Amino acid sequence: MRLGSPVGYGIAVYAMTTLNTIKQAKELPELFMKSSEEIALWRLLRRLSDRVRFDLDARYLDQASKITAYRVKNLLIHLEDGLLTIMDGTKQKTIAAKLLRKQPSTLFREVVGMMGEGNIETF
């Protein structure tokens, strides 16, 4: 199986993952994601931009223990304790993370709406 590009992240030595995760992953960062919510959010954001980034608590995937934030266009998104917090620099919206599974289209519209409210900057 061949994965897509590493999307700005590298593995220093090795990374632990499961066979199922390897089979489903389309890009290297997906191998690090621990929860189905993280993967669902990543894939939702990838529908909006091919320049989705995330912040880790360490530089290398194999040394990191968690994702601290997702970044796409003008948004910073935190997924923690069952809540999704979307910030555009001036505004903030908190949404239940269960929408990732139950109503992904609603969450998609919320994210697109937040993108449109501020100045969209690419990085």
PDB file of N, CA and C in Angstrom:
ATOM      1  N   MET A   1       0.838  -1.175   0.000  1.00  0.00           N
ATOM      2  CA  MET A   1       0.000   0.000   0.000  1.00  0.00           C
ATOM      3  C   MET A   1       0.882   1.237   0.000  1.00  0.00           C
ATOM      4  N   ARG A   2       0.511   2.198  -0.780  1.00  0.00           N
ATOM      5  CA  ARG A   2       1.278   3.425  -0.847  1.00  0.00           C
ATOM      6  C   ARG A   2       0.434   4.576  -0.320  1.00  0.00           C
ATOM      7  N   LEU A   3       0.992   5.306   0.645  1.00  0.00           N
ATOM      8  CA  LEU A   3       0.311   6.473   1.199  1.00  0.00           C
ATOM      9  C   LEU A   3       0.677   7.700   0.404  1.00  0.00           C
ATOM     10  N   GLY A   4      -0.157   8.718   0.498  1.00  0.00           N
ATOM     11  CA  GLY A   4       0.131   9.988  -0.140  1.00  0.00           C
ATOM     12  C   GLY A   4       1.310  10.668   0.532  1.00  0.00           C
ATOM     13  N   SER A   5       1.485  11.916   0.268  1.00  0.00           N
ATOM     14  CA  SER A   5       2.620  12.672   0.785  1.00  0.00           C
ATOM     15  C   SER A   5       2.557  12.798   2.307  1.00  0.00           C
ATOM     16  N   PRO A   6       3.700  13.069   2.944  1.00  0.00           N
ATOM     17  CA  PRO A   6       3.730  13.195   4.393  1.00  0.00           C
ATOM     18  C   PRO A   6       3.059  14.466   4.902  1.00  0.00           C
ATOM     19  N   VAL A   7       2.692  15.394   4.057  1.00  0.00           N
ATOM     20  CA  VAL A   7       1.958  16.615   4.398  1.00  0.00           C
ATOM     21  C   VAL A   7       2.694  17.420   5.470  1.00  0.00           C
ATOM     22  N   GLY A   8       3.993  17.590   5.308  1.00  0.00           N
ATOM     23  CA  GLY A   8       4.749  18.462   6.192  1.00  0.00           C
ATOM     24  C   GLY A   8       5.239  17.840   7.476  1.00  0.00           C
ATOM     25  N   TYR A   9       5.031  16.561   7.675  1.00  0.00           N
ATOM     26  CA  TYR A   9       5.465  15.903   8.899  1.00  0.00           C
ATOM     27  C   TYR A   9       6.361  14.739   8.546  1.00  0.00           C
ATOM     28  N   GLY A  10       7.251  14.400   9.443  1.00  0.00           N
ATOM     29  CA  GLY A  10       8.148  13.293   9.202  1.00  0.00           C
ATOM     30  C   GLY A  10       8.222  12.380  10.404  1.00  0.00           C
ATOM     31  N   ILE A  11       8.671  11.190  10.178  1.00  0.00           N
ATOM     32  CA  ILE A  11       8.854  10.222  11.254  1.00  0.00           C
ATOM     33  C   ILE A  11      10.345  10.065  11.478  1.00  0.00           C
ATOM     34  N   ALA A  12      10.782  10.282  12.703  1.00  0.00           N
ATOM     35  CA  ALA A  12      12.206  10.232  13.014  1.00  0.00           C
ATOM     36  C   ALA A  12      12.732   8.803  12.994  1.00  0.00           C
ATOM     37  N   VAL A  13      12.034   7.869  13.598  1.00  0.00           N
ATOM     38  CA  VAL A  13      12.501   6.501  13.669  1.00  0.00           C
ATOM     39  C   VAL A  13      11.409   5.546  13.197  1.00  0.00           C
ATOM     40  N   TYR A  14      10.329   5.444  13.939  1.00  0.00           N
ATOM     41  CA  TYR A  14       9.212   4.591  13.583  1.00  0.00           C
ATOM     42  C   TYR A  14       7.970   5.108  14.295  1.00  0.00           C
ATOM     43  N   ALA A  15       6.814   4.648  13.866  1.00  0.00           N
ATOM     44  CA  ALA A  15       5.566   5.039  14.516  1.00  0.00           C
ATOM     45  C   ALA A  15       4.714   3.795  14.717  1.00  0.00           C
ATOM     46  N   MET A  16       4.111   3.677  15.860  1.00  0.00           N
ATOM     47  CA  MET A  16       3.240   2.552  16.163  1.00  0.00           C
ATOM     48  C   MET A  16       1.832   2.867  15.651  1.00  0.00           C
ATOM     49  N   THR A  17       1.227   1.887  15.005  1.00  0.00           N
ATOM     50  CA  THR A  17      -0.141   2.038  14.526  1.00  0.00           C
ATOM     51  C   THR A  17      -0.733   0.649  14.352  1.00  0.00           C
ATOM     52  N   THR A  18      -1.951   0.579  13.895  1.00  0.00           N
ATOM     53  CA  THR A  18      -2.603  -0.712  13.682  1.00  0.00           C
ATOM     54  C   THR A  18      -2.705  -1.001  12.186  1.00  0.00           C
ATOM     55  N   LEU A  19      -2.879  -2.257  11.849  1.00  0.00           N
ATOM     56  CA  LEU A  19      -3.023  -2.649  10.455  1.00  0.00           C
ATOM     57  C   LEU A  19      -4.264  -1.993   9.848  1.00  0.00           C
ATOM     58  N   ASN A  20      -5.347  -1.929  10.599  1.00  0.00           N
ATOM     59  CA  ASN A  20      -6.570  -1.306  10.109  1.00  0.00           C
ATOM     60  C   ASN A  20      -6.345   0.170   9.780  1.00  0.00           C
ATOM     61  N   THR A  21      -5.596   0.865  10.631  1.00  0.00           N
ATOM     62  CA  THR A  21      -5.303   2.279  10.385  1.00  0.00           C
ATOM     63  C   THR A  21      -4.468   2.432   9.122  1.00  0.00           C
ATOM     64  N   ILE A  22      -3.500   1.564   8.932  1.00  0.00           N
ATOM     65  CA  ILE A  22      -2.665   1.614   7.733  1.00  0.00           C
ATOM     66  C   ILE A  22      -3.510   1.380   6.483  1.00  0.00           C
ATOM     67  N   LYS A  23      -4.421   0.446   6.546  1.00  0.00           N
ATOM     68  CA  LYS A  23      -5.273   0.148   5.389  1.00  0.00           C
ATOM     69  C   LYS A  23      -6.181   1.311   5.023  1.00  0.00           C
ATOM     70  N   GLN A  24      -6.666   2.054   6.033  1.00  0.00           N
ATOM     71  CA  GLN A  24      -7.615   3.134   5.785  1.00  0.00           C
ATOM     72  C   GLN A  24      -6.954   4.480   5.504  1.00  0.00           C
ATOM     73  N   ALA A  25      -5.702   4.650   5.919  1.00  0.00           N
ATOM     74  CA  ALA A  25      -5.030   5.947   5.797  1.00  0.00           C
ATOM     75  C   ALA A  25      -4.764   6.302   4.343  1.00  0.00           C
ATOM     76  N   LYS A  26      -4.966   7.571   4.038  1.00  0.00           N
ATOM     77  CA  LYS A  26      -4.661   8.092   2.711  1.00  0.00           C
ATOM     78  C   LYS A  26      -3.426   8.983   2.750  1.00  0.00           C
ATOM     79  N   GLU A  27      -3.110   9.521   3.936  1.00  0.00           N
ATOM     80  CA  GLU A  27      -1.946  10.380   4.106  1.00  0.00           C
ATOM     81  C   GLU A  27      -1.269  10.046   5.426  1.00  0.00           C
ATOM     82  N   LEU A  28       0.001  10.342   5.496  1.00  0.00           N
ATOM     83  CA  LEU A  28       0.807  10.007   6.658  1.00  0.00           C
ATOM     84  C   LEU A  28       0.237  10.507   7.986  1.00  0.00           C
ATOM     85  N   PRO A  29      -0.249  11.733   8.105  1.00  0.00           N
ATOM     86  CA  PRO A  29      -0.769  12.182   9.404  1.00  0.00           C
ATOM     87  C   PRO A  29      -1.908  11.318   9.948  1.00  0.00           C
ATOM     88  N   GLU A  30      -2.660  10.670   9.084  1.00  0.00           N
ATOM     89  CA  GLU A  30      -3.753   9.819   9.546  1.00  0.00           C
ATOM     90  C   GLU A  30      -3.253   8.625  10.356  1.00  0.00           C
ATOM     91  N   LEU A  31      -2.009   8.222  10.154  1.00  0.00           N
ATOM     92  CA  LEU A  31      -1.462   7.109  10.927  1.00  0.00           C
ATOM     93  C   LEU A  31      -1.298   7.473  12.398  1.00  0.00           C
ATOM     94  N   PHE A  32      -1.170   8.760  12.677  1.00  0.00           N
ATOM     95  CA  PHE A  32      -0.977   9.206  14.047  1.00  0.00           C
ATOM     96  C   PHE A  32      -2.285   9.390  14.796  1.00  0.00           C
ATOM     97  N   MET A  33      -3.349   9.675  14.098  1.00  0.00           N
ATOM     98  CA  MET A  33      -4.610  10.021  14.755  1.00  0.00           C
ATOM     99  C   MET A  33      -5.145   8.843  15.544  1.00  0.00           C
ATOM    100  N   LYS A  34      -5.517   9.113  16.775  1.00  0.00           N
ATOM    101  CA  LYS A  34      -5.905   8.050  17.704  1.00  0.00           C
ATOM    102  C   LYS A  34      -7.403   7.768  17.716  1.00  0.00           C
ATOM    103  N   SER A  35      -8.226   8.781  17.524  1.00  0.00           N
ATOM    104  CA  SER A  35      -9.669   8.575  17.656  1.00  0.00           C
ATOM    105  C   SER A  35     -10.369   8.707  16.307  1.00  0.00           C
ATOM    106  N   SER A  36     -11.546   8.122  16.238  1.00  0.00           N
ATOM    107  CA  SER A  36     -12.336   8.230  15.011  1.00  0.00           C
ATOM    108  C   SER A  36     -12.772   9.674  14.783  1.00  0.00           C
ATOM    109  N   GLU A  37     -12.939  10.448  15.860  1.00  0.00           N
ATOM    110  CA  GLU A  37     -13.303  11.854  15.713  1.00  0.00           C
ATOM    111  C   GLU A  37     -12.179  12.641  15.054  1.00  0.00           C
ATOM    112  N   GLU A  38     -10.933  12.365  15.439  1.00  0.00           N
ATOM    113  CA  GLU A  38      -9.788  13.045  14.826  1.00  0.00           C
ATOM    114  C   GLU A  38      -9.723  12.741  13.330  1.00  0.00           C
ATOM    115  N   ILE A  39      -9.913  11.492  12.977  1.00  0.00           N
ATOM    116  CA  ILE A  39      -9.864  11.095  11.572  1.00  0.00           C
ATOM    117  C   ILE A  39     -11.019  11.725  10.797  1.00  0.00           C
ATOM    118  N   ALA A  40     -12.218  11.708  11.377  1.00  0.00           N
ATOM    119  CA  ALA A  40     -13.386  12.300  10.708  1.00  0.00           C
ATOM    120  C   ALA A  40     -13.196  13.798  10.504  1.00  0.00           C
ATOM    121  N   LEU A  41     -12.650  14.483  11.513  1.00  0.00           N
ATOM    122  CA  LEU A  41     -12.406  15.920  11.383  1.00  0.00           C
ATOM    123  C   LEU A  41     -11.357  16.188  10.310  1.00  0.00           C
ATOM    124  N   TRP A  42     -10.280  15.420  10.308  1.00  0.00           N
ATOM    125  CA  TRP A  42      -9.228  15.558   9.303  1.00  0.00           C
ATOM    126  C   TRP A  42      -9.805  15.411   7.897  1.00  0.00           C
ATOM    127  N   ARG A  43     -10.611  14.396   7.690  1.00  0.00           N
ATOM    128  CA  ARG A  43     -11.177  14.152   6.364  1.00  0.00           C
ATOM    129  C   ARG A  43     -12.174  15.234   5.967  1.00  0.00           C
ATOM    130  N   LEU A  44     -12.948  15.725   6.925  1.00  0.00           N
ATOM    131  CA  LEU A  44     -13.872  16.823   6.640  1.00  0.00           C
ATOM    132  C   LEU A  44     -13.099  18.064   6.205  1.00  0.00           C
ATOM    133  N   LEU A  45     -12.035  18.378   6.925  1.00  0.00           N
ATOM    134  CA  LEU A  45     -11.235  19.560   6.595  1.00  0.00           C
ATOM    135  C   LEU A  45     -10.504  19.389   5.263  1.00  0.00           C
ATOM    136  N   ARG A  46     -10.104  18.180   4.939  1.00  0.00           N
ATOM    137  CA  ARG A  46      -9.424  17.920   3.660  1.00  0.00           C
ATOM    138  C   ARG A  46     -10.380  18.125   2.483  1.00  0.00           C
ATOM    139  N   ARG A  47     -11.670  18.020   2.721  1.00  0.00           N
ATOM    140  CA  ARG A  47     -12.649  18.326   1.662  1.00  0.00           C
ATOM    141  C   ARG A  47     -12.650  19.814   1.359  1.00  0.00           C
ATOM    142  N   LEU A  48     -12.274  20.617   2.346  1.00  0.00           N
ATOM    143  CA  LEU A  48     -12.279  22.070   2.193  1.00  0.00           C
ATOM    144  C   LEU A  48     -10.970  22.618   1.636  1.00  0.00           C
ATOM    145  N   SER A  49      -9.878  21.943   1.917  1.00  0.00           N
ATOM    146  CA  SER A  49      -8.564  22.438   1.506  1.00  0.00           C
ATOM    147  C   SER A  49      -7.560  21.300   1.475  1.00  0.00           C
ATOM    148  N   ASP A  50      -6.599  21.394   0.571  1.00  0.00           N
ATOM    149  CA  ASP A  50      -5.512  20.414   0.567  1.00  0.00           C
ATOM    150  C   ASP A  50      -4.350  20.910   1.418  1.00  0.00           C
ATOM    151  N   ARG A  51      -4.550  22.004   2.131  1.00  0.00           N
ATOM    152  CA  ARG A  51      -3.504  22.582   2.969  1.00  0.00           C
ATOM    153  C   ARG A  51      -3.884  22.553   4.442  1.00  0.00           C
ATOM    154  N   VAL A  52      -4.474  21.462   4.889  1.00  0.00           N
ATOM    155  CA  VAL A  52      -4.816  21.295   6.298  1.00  0.00           C
ATOM    156  C   VAL A  52      -3.548  20.928   7.055  1.00  0.00           C
ATOM    157  N   ARG A  53      -3.352  21.570   8.169  1.00  0.00           N
ATOM    158  CA  ARG A  53      -2.202  21.279   9.029  1.00  0.00           C
ATOM    159  C   ARG A  53      -2.714  20.988  10.429  1.00  0.00           C
ATOM    160  N   PHE A  54      -1.901  20.344  11.220  1.00  0.00           N
ATOM    161  CA  PHE A  54      -2.264  20.222  12.619  1.00  0.00           C
ATOM    162  C   PHE A  54      -1.056  20.421  13.485  1.00  0.00           C
ATOM    163  N   ASP A  55      -1.312  20.893  14.687  1.00  0.00           N
ATOM    164  CA  ASP A  55      -0.261  21.115  15.668  1.00  0.00           C
ATOM    165  C   ASP A  55      -0.203  19.898  16.578  1.00  0.00           C
ATOM    166  N   LEU A  56       1.003  19.443  16.833  1.00  0.00           N
ATOM    167  CA  LEU A  56       1.231  18.322  17.739  1.00  0.00           C
ATOM    168  C   LEU A  56       1.926  18.813  18.992  1.00  0.00           C
ATOM    169  N   ASP A  57       1.963  17.981  19.991  1.00  0.00           N
ATOM    170  CA  ASP A  57       2.697  18.348  21.197  1.00  0.00           C
ATOM    171  C   ASP A  57       4.183  17.983  21.093  1.00  0.00           C
ATOM    172  N   ALA A  58       4.627  17.559  19.905  1.00  0.00           N
ATOM    173  CA  ALA A  58       6.040  17.302  19.613  1.00  0.00           C
ATOM    174  C   ALA A  58       6.251  17.476  18.112  1.00  0.00           C
ATOM    175  N   ARG A  59       7.480  17.674  17.675  1.00  0.00           N
ATOM    176  CA  ARG A  59       7.782  17.921  16.258  1.00  0.00           C
ATOM    177  C   ARG A  59       7.577  16.696  15.387  1.00  0.00           C
ATOM    178  N   TYR A  60       7.953  15.505  15.873  1.00  0.00           N
ATOM    179  CA  TYR A  60       7.859  14.286  15.085  1.00  0.00           C
ATOM    180  C   TYR A  60       6.655  13.450  15.509  1.00  0.00           C
ATOM    181  N   LEU A  61       5.993  12.822  14.527  1.00  0.00           N
ATOM    182  CA  LEU A  61       4.802  12.027  14.810  1.00  0.00           C
ATOM    183  C   LEU A  61       5.058  10.942  15.842  1.00  0.00           C
ATOM    184  N   ASP A  62       6.188  10.281  15.742  1.00  0.00           N
ATOM    185  CA  ASP A  62       6.457   9.170  16.651  1.00  0.00           C
ATOM    186  C   ASP A  62       6.792   9.625  18.068  1.00  0.00           C
ATOM    187  N   GLN A  63       7.031  10.906  18.280  1.00  0.00           N
ATOM    188  CA  GLN A  63       7.311  11.438  19.613  1.00  0.00           C
ATOM    189  C   GLN A  63       6.106  12.165  20.205  1.00  0.00           C
ATOM    190  N   ALA A  64       5.121  12.430  19.393  1.00  0.00           N
ATOM    191  CA  ALA A  64       3.942  13.179  19.854  1.00  0.00           C
ATOM    192  C   ALA A  64       2.933  12.241  20.503  1.00  0.00           C
ATOM    193  N   SER A  65       2.198  12.793  21.460  1.00  0.00           N
ATOM    194  CA  SER A  65       1.172  11.991  22.118  1.00  0.00           C
ATOM    195  C   SER A  65      -0.230  12.449  21.754  1.00  0.00           C
ATOM    196  N   LYS A  66      -0.353  13.676  21.196  1.00  0.00           N
ATOM    197  CA  LYS A  66      -1.690  14.122  20.819  1.00  0.00           C
ATOM    198  C   LYS A  66      -1.639  15.284  19.834  1.00  0.00           C
ATOM    199  N   ILE A  67      -2.758  15.482  19.156  1.00  0.00           N
ATOM    200  CA  ILE A  67      -2.950  16.635  18.289  1.00  0.00           C
ATOM    201  C   ILE A  67      -3.489  17.755  19.168  1.00  0.00           C
ATOM    202  N   THR A  68      -2.888  18.929  19.079  1.00  0.00           N
ATOM    203  CA  THR A  68      -3.363  20.040  19.897  1.00  0.00           C
ATOM    204  C   THR A  68      -4.317  20.947  19.131  1.00  0.00           C
ATOM    205  N   ALA A  69      -4.181  21.035  17.802  1.00  0.00           N
ATOM    206  CA  ALA A  69      -5.082  21.874  17.012  1.00  0.00           C
ATOM    207  C   ALA A  69      -4.949  21.534  15.533  1.00  0.00           C
ATOM    208  N   TYR A  70      -6.035  21.790  14.800  1.00  0.00           N
ATOM    209  CA  TYR A  70      -6.042  21.691  13.342  1.00  0.00           C
ATOM    210  C   TYR A  70      -6.051  23.103  12.800  1.00  0.00           C
ATOM    211  N   ARG A  71      -5.398  23.322  11.665  1.00  0.00           N
ATOM    212  CA  ARG A  71      -5.377  24.629  11.021  1.00  0.00           C
ATOM    213  C   ARG A  71      -5.773  24.462   9.559  1.00  0.00           C
ATOM    214  N   VAL A  72      -6.748  25.266   9.149  1.00  0.00           N
ATOM    215  CA  VAL A  72      -7.153  25.282   7.745  1.00  0.00           C
ATOM    216  C   VAL A  72      -7.595  26.696   7.421  1.00  0.00           C
ATOM    217  N   LYS A  73      -6.995  27.249   6.366  1.00  0.00           N
ATOM    218  CA  LYS A  73      -7.242  28.626   5.944  1.00  0.00           C
ATOM    219  C   LYS A  73      -7.138  29.571   7.141  1.00  0.00           C
ATOM    220  N   ASN A  74      -8.206  30.276   7.481  1.00  0.00           N
ATOM    221  CA  ASN A  74      -8.141  31.243   8.572  1.00  0.00           C
ATOM    222  C   ASN A  74      -8.587  30.660   9.909  1.00  0.00           C
ATOM    223  N   LEU A  75      -8.796  29.357   9.991  1.00  0.00           N
ATOM    224  CA  LEU A  75      -9.358  28.750  11.193  1.00  0.00           C
ATOM    225  C   LEU A  75      -8.347  27.948  11.997  1.00  0.00           C
ATOM    226  N   LEU A  76      -8.554  27.978  13.303  1.00  0.00           N
ATOM    227  CA  LEU A  76      -7.837  27.131  14.255  1.00  0.00           C
ATOM    228  C   LEU A  76      -8.907  26.306  14.948  1.00  0.00           C
ATOM    229  N   ILE A  77      -8.771  24.992  14.920  1.00  0.00           N
ATOM    230  CA  ILE A  77      -9.809  24.107  15.437  1.00  0.00           C
ATOM    231  C   ILE A  77      -9.219  23.173  16.489  1.00  0.00           C
ATOM    232  N   HIS A  78      -9.839  23.178  17.666  1.00  0.00           N
ATOM    233  CA  HIS A  78      -9.434  22.286  18.755  1.00  0.00           C
ATOM    234  C   HIS A  78     -10.511  21.225  18.943  1.00  0.00           C
ATOM    235  N   LEU A  79     -10.090  19.983  19.134  1.00  0.00           N
ATOM    236  CA  LEU A  79     -10.991  18.875  19.438  1.00  0.00           C
ATOM    237  C   LEU A  79     -10.554  18.313  20.777  1.00  0.00           C
ATOM    238  N   GLU A  80     -11.373  18.554  21.806  1.00  0.00           N
ATOM    239  CA  GLU A  80     -10.989  18.116  23.140  1.00  0.00           C
ATOM    240  C   GLU A  80     -12.223  17.919  24.007  1.00  0.00           C
ATOM    241  N   ASP A  81     -12.220  16.852  24.783  1.00  0.00           N
ATOM    242  CA  ASP A  81     -13.292  16.562  25.742  1.00  0.00           C
ATOM    243  C   ASP A  81     -14.678  16.568  25.106  1.00  0.00           C
ATOM    244  N   GLY A  82     -14.794  16.020  23.905  1.00  0.00           N
ATOM    245  CA  GLY A  82     -16.076  15.917  23.242  1.00  0.00           C
ATOM    246  C   GLY A  82     -16.598  17.209  22.636  1.00  0.00           C
ATOM    247  N   LEU A  83     -15.739  18.227  22.616  1.00  0.00           N
ATOM    248  CA  LEU A  83     -16.136  19.518  22.047  1.00  0.00           C
ATOM    249  C   LEU A  83     -15.188  19.925  20.935  1.00  0.00           C
ATOM    250  N   LEU A  84     -15.755  20.569  19.946  1.00  0.00           N
ATOM    251  CA  LEU A  84     -15.008  21.099  18.815  1.00  0.00           C
ATOM    252  C   LEU A  84     -15.078  22.616  18.911  1.00  0.00           C
ATOM    253  N   THR A  85     -13.942  23.267  19.081  1.00  0.00           N
ATOM    254  CA  THR A  85     -13.902  24.720  19.173  1.00  0.00           C
ATOM    255  C   THR A  85     -13.269  25.260  17.907  1.00  0.00           C
ATOM    256  N   ILE A  86     -14.011  26.106  17.202  1.00  0.00           N
ATOM    257  CA  ILE A  86     -13.557  26.687  15.940  1.00  0.00           C
ATOM    258  C   ILE A  86     -13.318  28.169  16.161  1.00  0.00           C
ATOM    259  N   MET A  87     -12.109  28.641  15.847  1.00  0.00           N
ATOM    260  CA  MET A  87     -11.757  30.049  16.049  1.00  0.00           C
ATOM    261  C   MET A  87     -11.215  30.625  14.752  1.00  0.00           C
ATOM    262  N   ASP A  88     -11.586  31.879  14.473  1.00  0.00           N
ATOM    263  CA  ASP A  88     -11.062  32.546  13.288  1.00  0.00           C
ATOM    264  C   ASP A  88     -10.240  33.785  13.651  1.00  0.00           C
ATOM    265  N   GLY A  89      -9.823  33.897  14.857  1.00  0.00           N
ATOM    266  CA  GLY A  89      -9.036  35.048  15.307  1.00  0.00           C
ATOM    267  C   GLY A  89      -9.868  36.021  16.112  1.00  0.00           C
ATOM    268  N   THR A  90     -11.086  36.294  15.665  1.00  0.00           N
ATOM    269  CA  THR A  90     -11.951  37.224  16.394  1.00  0.00           C
ATOM    270  C   THR A  90     -13.190  36.535  16.946  1.00  0.00           C
ATOM    271  N   LYS A  91     -13.641  35.487  16.285  1.00  0.00           N
ATOM    272  CA  LYS A  91     -14.841  34.777  16.714  1.00  0.00           C
ATOM    273  C   LYS A  91     -14.508  33.352  17.099  1.00  0.00           C
ATOM    274  N   GLN A  92     -15.347  32.807  17.973  1.00  0.00           N
ATOM    275  CA  GLN A  92     -15.169  31.436  18.427  1.00  0.00           C
ATOM    276  C   GLN A  92     -16.526  30.761  18.509  1.00  0.00           C
ATOM    277  N   LYS A  93     -16.567  29.511  18.107  1.00  0.00           N
ATOM    278  CA  LYS A  93     -17.805  28.739  18.179  1.00  0.00           C
ATOM    279  C   LYS A  93     -17.460  27.365  18.726  1.00  0.00           C
ATOM    280  N   THR A  94     -18.252  26.881  19.677  1.00  0.00           N
ATOM    281  CA  THR A  94     -18.043  25.560  20.247  1.00  0.00           C
ATOM    282  C   THR A  94     -19.226  24.677  19.880  1.00  0.00           C
ATOM    283  N   ILE A  95     -18.914  23.495  19.382  1.00  0.00           N
ATOM    284  CA  ILE A  95     -19.916  22.559  18.876  1.00  0.00           C
ATOM    285  C   ILE A  95     -19.609  21.174  19.457  1.00  0.00           C
ATOM    286  N   ALA A  96     -20.646  20.385  19.689  1.00  0.00           N
ATOM    287  CA  ALA A  96     -20.454  19.014  20.159  1.00  0.00           C
ATOM    288  C   ALA A  96     -19.750  18.187  19.087  1.00  0.00           C
ATOM    289  N   ALA A  97     -18.694  17.482  19.468  1.00  0.00           N
ATOM    290  CA  ALA A  97     -17.914  16.673  18.524  1.00  0.00           C
ATOM    291  C   ALA A  97     -18.725  15.510  17.963  1.00  0.00           C
ATOM    292  N   LYS A  98     -19.805  15.128  18.628  1.00  0.00           N
ATOM    293  CA  LYS A  98     -20.615  14.013  18.127  1.00  0.00           C
ATOM    294  C   LYS A  98     -21.227  14.322  16.762  1.00  0.00           C
ATOM    295  N   LEU A  99     -21.270  15.600  16.388  1.00  0.00           N
ATOM    296  CA  LEU A  99     -21.769  15.961  15.056  1.00  0.00           C
ATOM    297  C   LEU A  99     -20.883  15.396  13.951  1.00  0.00           C
ATOM    298  N   LEU A 100     -19.622  15.114  14.269  1.00  0.00           N
ATOM    299  CA  LEU A 100     -18.724  14.508  13.281  1.00  0.00           C
ATOM    300  C   LEU A 100     -19.286  13.188  12.783  1.00  0.00           C
ATOM    301  N   ARG A 101     -19.970  12.468  13.649  1.00  0.00           N
ATOM    302  CA  ARG A 101     -20.540  11.175  13.278  1.00  0.00           C
ATOM    303  C   ARG A 101     -22.021  11.275  12.916  1.00  0.00           C
ATOM    304  N   LYS A 102     -22.769  12.042  13.694  1.00  0.00           N
ATOM    305  CA  LYS A 102     -24.226  12.066  13.533  1.00  0.00           C
ATOM    306  C   LYS A 102     -24.703  13.010  12.437  1.00  0.00           C
ATOM    307  N   GLN A 103     -24.074  14.169  12.322  1.00  0.00           N
ATOM    308  CA  GLN A 103     -24.496  15.159  11.335  1.00  0.00           C
ATOM    309  C   GLN A 103     -23.282  15.860  10.716  1.00  0.00           C
ATOM    310  N   PRO A 104     -22.462  15.124   9.968  1.00  0.00           N
ATOM    311  CA  PRO A 104     -21.256  15.739   9.412  1.00  0.00           C
ATOM    312  C   PRO A 104     -21.556  16.900   8.463  1.00  0.00           C
ATOM    313  N   SER A 105     -22.676  16.856   7.760  1.00  0.00           N
ATOM    314  CA  SER A 105     -22.995  17.952   6.843  1.00  0.00           C
ATOM    315  C   SER A 105     -23.281  19.245   7.609  1.00  0.00           C
ATOM    316  N   THR A 106     -23.881  19.136   8.781  1.00  0.00           N
ATOM    317  CA  THR A 106     -24.134  20.313   9.618  1.00  0.00           C
ATOM    318  C   THR A 106     -22.810  20.916  10.073  1.00  0.00           C
ATOM    319  N   LEU A 107     -21.906  20.062  10.516  1.00  0.00           N
ATOM    320  CA  LEU A 107     -20.594  20.537  10.947  1.00  0.00           C
ATOM    321  C   LEU A 107     -19.829  21.148   9.775  1.00  0.00           C
ATOM    322  N   PHE A 108     -19.925  20.520   8.609  1.00  0.00           N
ATOM    323  CA  PHE A 108     -19.282  21.038   7.401  1.00  0.00           C
ATOM    324  C   PHE A 108     -19.760  22.465   7.121  1.00  0.00           C
ATOM    325  N   ARG A 109     -21.077  22.685   7.190  1.00  0.00           N
ATOM    326  CA  ARG A 109     -21.630  24.023   6.958  1.00  0.00           C
ATOM    327  C   ARG A 109     -21.146  25.025   8.006  1.00  0.00           C
ATOM    328  N   GLU A 110     -21.022  24.597   9.249  1.00  0.00           N
ATOM    329  CA  GLU A 110     -20.528  25.483  10.313  1.00  0.00           C
ATOM    330  C   GLU A 110     -19.093  25.928  10.020  1.00  0.00           C
ATOM    331  N   VAL A 111     -18.250  24.971   9.626  1.00  0.00           N
ATOM    332  CA  VAL A 111     -16.851  25.286   9.333  1.00  0.00           C
ATOM    333  C   VAL A 111     -16.766  26.211   8.128  1.00  0.00           C
ATOM    334  N   VAL A 112     -17.512  25.912   7.071  1.00  0.00           N
ATOM    335  CA  VAL A 112     -17.512  26.767   5.877  1.00  0.00           C
ATOM    336  C   VAL A 112     -18.006  28.163   6.237  1.00  0.00           C
ATOM    337  N   GLY A 113     -19.032  28.240   7.077  1.00  0.00           N
ATOM    338  CA  GLY A 113     -19.550  29.528   7.514  1.00  0.00           C
ATOM    339  C   GLY A 113     -18.517  30.339   8.267  1.00  0.00           C
ATOM    340  N   MET A 114     -17.767  29.680   9.150  1.00  0.00           N
ATOM    341  CA  MET A 114     -16.710  30.376   9.896  1.00  0.00           C
ATOM    342  C   MET A 114     -15.596  30.829   8.958  1.00  0.00           C
ATOM    343  N   MET A 115     -15.304  30.054   7.936  1.00  0.00           N
ATOM    344  CA  MET A 115     -14.274  30.444   6.972  1.00  0.00           C
ATOM    345  C   MET A 115     -14.683  31.714   6.233  1.00  0.00           C
ATOM    346  N   GLY A 116     -15.958  31.813   5.908  1.00  0.00           N
ATOM    347  CA  GLY A 116     -16.450  32.944   5.159  1.00  0.00           C
ATOM    348  C   GLY A 116     -16.593  34.219   5.959  1.00  0.00           C
ATOM    349  N   GLU A 117     -16.649  34.123   7.303  1.00  0.00           N
ATOM    350  CA  GLU A 117     -16.864  35.302   8.145  1.00  0.00           C
ATOM    351  C   GLU A 117     -15.623  36.163   8.300  1.00  0.00           C
ATOM    352  N   GLY A 118     -14.441  35.537   8.244  1.00  0.00           N
ATOM    353  CA  GLY A 118     -13.203  36.300   8.423  1.00  0.00           C
ATOM    354  C   GLY A 118     -12.487  36.455   7.105  1.00  0.00           C
ATOM    355  N   ASN A 119     -11.351  37.072   7.150  1.00  0.00           N
ATOM    356  CA  ASN A 119     -10.507  37.161   5.956  1.00  0.00           C
ATOM    357  C   ASN A 119      -9.860  35.812   5.748  1.00  0.00           C
ATOM    358  N   ILE A 120     -10.054  35.233   4.594  1.00  0.00           N
ATOM    359  CA  ILE A 120      -9.464  33.928   4.332  1.00  0.00           C
ATOM    360  C   ILE A 120      -8.034  34.112   3.878  1.00  0.00           C
ATOM    361  N   GLU A 121      -7.141  33.559   4.665  1.00  0.00           N
ATOM    362  CA  GLU A 121      -5.711  33.643   4.350  1.00  0.00           C
ATOM    363  C   GLU A 121      -5.216  32.227   4.125  1.00  0.00           C
ATOM    364  N   THR A 122      -4.401  32.058   3.131  1.00  0.00           N
ATOM    365  CA  THR A 122      -3.775  30.765   2.929  1.00  0.00           C
ATOM    366  C   THR A 122      -2.360  30.855   3.481  1.00  0.00           C
ATOM    367  N   PHE A 123      -1.875  29.747   3.960  1.00  0.00           N
ATOM    368  CA  PHE A 123      -0.516  29.714   4.507  1.00  0.00           C
ATOM    369  C   PHE A 123       0.232  28.553   3.952  1.00  0.00           C
TER     370      PHE A 123
END
